């Protein structure tokens, strides 16, 4: 692939019940390589944070794209993820000649592109994007944890764990939750029917 600017794109946060789905796009500098790039899930938090800072410093261009819980509820998680990926690539300061996207689907955009299954382990550009997106979304969860310590966001990062369900049942659904996701929907329905019963 002799394209001049190759962007890698990946997302984090399709499965959680809360917060944005976060994507990143990265165009690496072939003359300024970064050691240790791989799928963000294979790295420790400390290593991810260090690599994230190095990517931002050394990459030719990088950008974050997001879709909000409201957009996820309106569009569904797949289409919201595609929207967030498009935003990330559109936000790059350089226009890529070619885009490599982790997974098996491409957004409906005009960029020449290829979807690569397990691309975050195969292409350094996608690895870099997976690291930036993961660190960005984890930081979102740490911020939420500061605002709402009873929910345990720092530990479960918004994923549907036993502890998360227990905190939700005790404390209720916040505005940052994805209300179209079944476990959240079920809680909202239960809360509504209990209000109706009391009324």
Protein backbone atom coordinates (compact mmCIF):
# COMPACT_ATOMS: atom_id res chain seq x y z
CA UNK A 1 0.00 0.00 0.00
CA UNK A 2 1.84 3.07 -1.24
CA UNK A 3 -0.72 5.64 -0.10
CA UNK A 4 0.89 8.65 1.49
CA UNK A 5 -1.40 9.13 4.46
CA UNK A 6 -2.89 5.95 5.93
CA UNK A 7 -5.30 6.48 8.82
CA UNK A 8 -6.19 3.77 11.31
CA UNK A 9 -9.60 3.89 12.99
CA UNK A 10 -10.99 2.01 15.98
CA UNK A 11 -13.78 2.36 18.54
CA UNK A 12 -14.21 1.70 22.24
CA UNK A 13 -17.46 1.50 24.14
CA UNK A 14 -20.04 -0.38 22.10
CA UNK A 15 -20.94 -2.67 25.01
CA UNK A 16 -21.24 -0.35 28.04
CA UNK A 17 -24.58 0.91 29.34
CA UNK A 18 -23.41 4.47 29.84
CA UNK A 19 -21.51 7.28 28.13
CA UNK A 20 -20.38 8.02 24.58
CA UNK A 21 -19.08 5.52 22.09
CA UNK A 22 -15.57 6.87 21.44
CA UNK A 23 -13.51 6.45 18.27
CA UNK A 24 -10.05 7.60 17.24
CA UNK A 25 -8.30 8.10 13.91
CA UNK A 26 -4.50 8.18 13.66
CA UNK A 27 -2.04 8.81 10.82
CA UNK A 28 1.37 7.63 12.00
CA UNK A 29 4.69 9.14 10.90
CA UNK A 30 6.79 6.40 9.21
CA UNK A 31 9.91 8.40 10.07
CA UNK A 32 9.03 8.54 13.77
CA UNK A 33 8.08 4.97 14.77
CA UNK A 34 6.46 4.04 18.08
CA UNK A 35 7.45 0.79 19.78
CA UNK A 36 4.93 -1.48 21.48
CA UNK A 37 1.78 -0.68 19.50
CA UNK A 38 -0.83 -3.44 19.76
CA UNK A 39 -4.49 -3.98 20.58
CA UNK A 40 -5.24 -1.69 23.55
CA UNK A 41 -6.91 -4.57 25.45
CA UNK A 42 -3.55 -6.39 25.59
CA UNK A 43 -1.82 -3.51 27.38
CA UNK A 44 -1.77 -2.49 31.03
CA UNK A 45 -3.41 0.82 31.91
CA UNK A 46 0.01 2.34 32.65
CA UNK A 47 1.42 1.23 29.28
CA UNK A 48 -1.71 2.46 27.42
CA UNK A 49 -1.45 5.89 29.03
CA UNK A 50 2.25 6.17 28.16
CA UNK A 51 1.65 5.07 24.55
CA UNK A 52 -1.32 7.43 24.21
CA UNK A 53 0.90 10.40 25.11
CA UNK A 54 3.61 9.18 22.69
CA UNK A 55 1.10 8.71 19.84
CA UNK A 56 -0.23 12.25 20.32
CA UNK A 57 3.33 13.58 20.25
CA UNK A 58 4.68 11.57 17.28
CA UNK A 59 1.72 10.97 14.94
CA UNK A 60 1.32 13.14 11.84
CA UNK A 61 -2.34 13.58 12.80
CA UNK A 62 -4.82 12.18 15.31
CA UNK A 63 -8.41 12.93 16.24
CA UNK A 64 -11.22 11.70 18.47
CA UNK A 65 -14.81 11.18 17.37
CA UNK A 66 -17.82 10.54 19.58
CA UNK A 67 -21.48 9.69 19.51
CA UNK A 68 -23.57 10.55 22.58
CA UNK A 69 -26.00 8.32 24.47
CA UNK A 70 -28.87 10.31 22.87
CA UNK A 71 -27.45 9.59 19.39
CA UNK A 72 -26.96 5.91 20.30
CA UNK A 73 -30.60 5.71 21.45
CA UNK A 74 -31.80 7.40 18.26
CA UNK A 75 -29.62 5.61 15.68
CA UNK A 76 -28.71 2.29 17.45
CA UNK A 77 -25.18 1.46 18.59
CA UNK A 78 -23.88 0.26 15.20
CA UNK A 79 -24.94 3.38 13.30
CA UNK A 80 -23.80 5.64 16.14
CA UNK A 81 -20.37 3.94 16.03
CA UNK A 82 -20.15 4.55 12.27
CA UNK A 83 -21.06 8.20 12.86
CA UNK A 84 -18.37 8.53 15.54
CA UNK A 85 -15.78 6.96 13.19
CA UNK A 86 -16.71 9.41 10.44
CA UNK A 87 -16.35 12.30 12.88
CA UNK A 88 -12.88 11.09 13.95
CA UNK A 89 -11.60 10.91 10.34
CA UNK A 90 -13.26 14.21 9.42
CA UNK A 91 -11.53 15.82 12.44
CA UNK A 92 -8.03 14.86 11.25
CA UNK A 93 -5.86 17.83 10.27
CA UNK A 94 -4.61 15.81 7.27
CA UNK A 95 -6.95 14.14 4.78
CA UNK A 96 -6.06 10.45 4.58
CA UNK A 97 -5.45 8.76 1.22
CA UNK A 98 -6.61 5.46 2.67
CA UNK A 99 -8.37 4.41 5.87
CA UNK A 100 -8.02 1.09 7.72
CA UNK A 101 -10.97 0.41 10.03
CA UNK A 102 -10.96 -2.25 12.74
CA UNK A 103 -13.82 -4.74 12.31
CA UNK A 104 -15.96 -5.93 9.42
CA UNK A 105 -17.93 -2.79 8.49
CA UNK A 106 -17.15 0.57 6.98
CA UNK A 107 -19.03 3.82 7.57
CA UNK A 108 -20.86 5.26 4.54
CA UNK A 109 -18.16 7.78 3.63
CA UNK A 110 -16.17 8.85 0.56
CA UNK A 111 -12.72 7.81 1.85
CA UNK A 112 -10.99 4.87 0.12
CA UNK A 113 -11.05 2.36 2.95
CA UNK A 114 -10.83 -1.25 4.08
CA UNK A 115 -12.37 -3.01 7.09
CA UNK A 116 -9.89 -5.35 8.80
CA UNK A 117 -11.05 -7.98 11.31
CA UNK A 118 -8.68 -7.96 14.31
CA UNK A 119 -6.99 -4.98 12.67
CA UNK A 120 -5.95 -3.60 16.06
CA UNK A 121 -3.44 -6.48 16.29
CA UNK A 122 -2.37 -6.33 12.62
CA UNK A 123 -1.89 -2.68 11.68
CA UNK A 124 0.02 -0.19 13.86
CA UNK A 125 -2.28 2.65 12.69
CA UNK A 126 -5.34 0.82 14.04
CA UNK A 127 -3.47 -0.20 17.22
CA UNK A 128 -2.66 3.46 17.83
CA UNK A 129 -6.31 4.41 17.29
CA UNK A 130 -7.48 1.67 19.67
CA UNK A 131 -5.13 2.99 22.37
CA UNK A 132 -6.25 6.62 22.00
CA UNK A 133 -9.94 5.66 22.01
CA UNK A 134 -9.55 3.38 25.04
CA UNK A 135 -7.68 5.98 27.10
CA UNK A 136 -10.18 8.69 26.13
CA UNK A 137 -13.21 6.61 27.12
CA UNK A 138 -11.60 5.34 30.33
CA UNK A 139 -10.96 8.98 31.26
CA UNK A 140 -14.66 9.71 30.62
CA UNK A 141 -15.50 6.97 33.13
CA UNK A 142 -13.02 8.32 35.69
CA UNK A 143 -14.67 11.76 35.35
CA UNK A 144 -18.11 10.17 35.84
CA UNK A 145 -16.78 8.31 38.86
CA UNK A 146 -15.78 11.65 40.42
CA UNK A 147 -19.30 13.01 39.85
CA UNK A 148 -21.20 9.86 40.88
CA UNK A 149 -18.96 7.77 43.18
CA UNK A 150 -21.81 5.43 44.18
CA UNK A 151 -21.90 3.86 40.70
CA UNK A 152 -18.34 2.47 40.59
CA UNK A 153 -17.56 3.72 37.08
CA UNK A 154 -13.78 3.69 37.70
CA UNK A 155 -13.92 -0.07 38.26
CA UNK A 156 -16.40 -1.39 35.67
CA UNK A 157 -16.01 1.41 33.07
CA UNK A 158 -19.74 1.32 32.36
CA UNK A 159 -19.85 -2.34 31.30
CA UNK A 160 -22.77 -4.50 32.51
CA UNK A 161 -21.21 -6.20 35.55
CA UNK A 162 -22.90 -7.50 38.68
CA UNK A 163 -21.57 -4.58 40.72
CA UNK A 164 -22.82 -2.12 38.08
CA UNK A 165 -26.33 -3.63 38.08
CA UNK A 166 -26.40 -3.47 41.88
CA UNK A 167 -25.38 0.22 41.86
CA UNK A 168 -27.98 0.97 39.18
CA UNK A 169 -30.73 -0.76 41.16
CA UNK A 170 -29.77 1.19 44.31
CA UNK A 171 -29.23 4.60 42.75
CA UNK A 172 -31.32 4.77 39.56
CA UNK A 173 -30.63 5.68 35.93
CA UNK A 174 -28.59 8.84 35.26
CA UNK A 175 -29.06 11.03 32.17
CA UNK A 176 -25.77 9.72 30.71
CA UNK A 177 -27.15 6.17 30.38
CA UNK A 178 -28.12 4.61 27.04
CA UNK A 179 -31.85 4.25 27.55
CA UNK A 180 -32.34 1.96 24.53
CA UNK A 181 -30.07 -0.71 26.04
CA UNK A 182 -32.24 -3.51 27.45
CA UNK A 183 -30.99 -3.59 31.08
CA UNK A 184 -31.46 0.20 31.35
CA UNK A 185 -34.85 0.03 29.61
CA UNK A 186 -35.96 -2.68 32.07
CA UNK A 187 -35.01 -0.52 35.07
CA UNK A 188 -36.79 2.53 33.66
CA UNK A 189 -39.92 0.47 32.95
CA UNK A 190 -39.84 -1.00 36.47
CA UNK A 191 -39.43 2.49 37.97
CA UNK A 192 -42.34 3.83 35.89
CA UNK A 193 -44.66 0.95 36.84
CA UNK A 194 -43.81 1.40 40.53
CA UNK A 195 -44.71 5.10 40.25
CA UNK A 196 -47.96 4.19 38.46
CA UNK A 197 -48.79 1.62 41.16
CA UNK A 198 -48.15 4.14 43.93
CA UNK A 199 -50.20 6.76 42.09
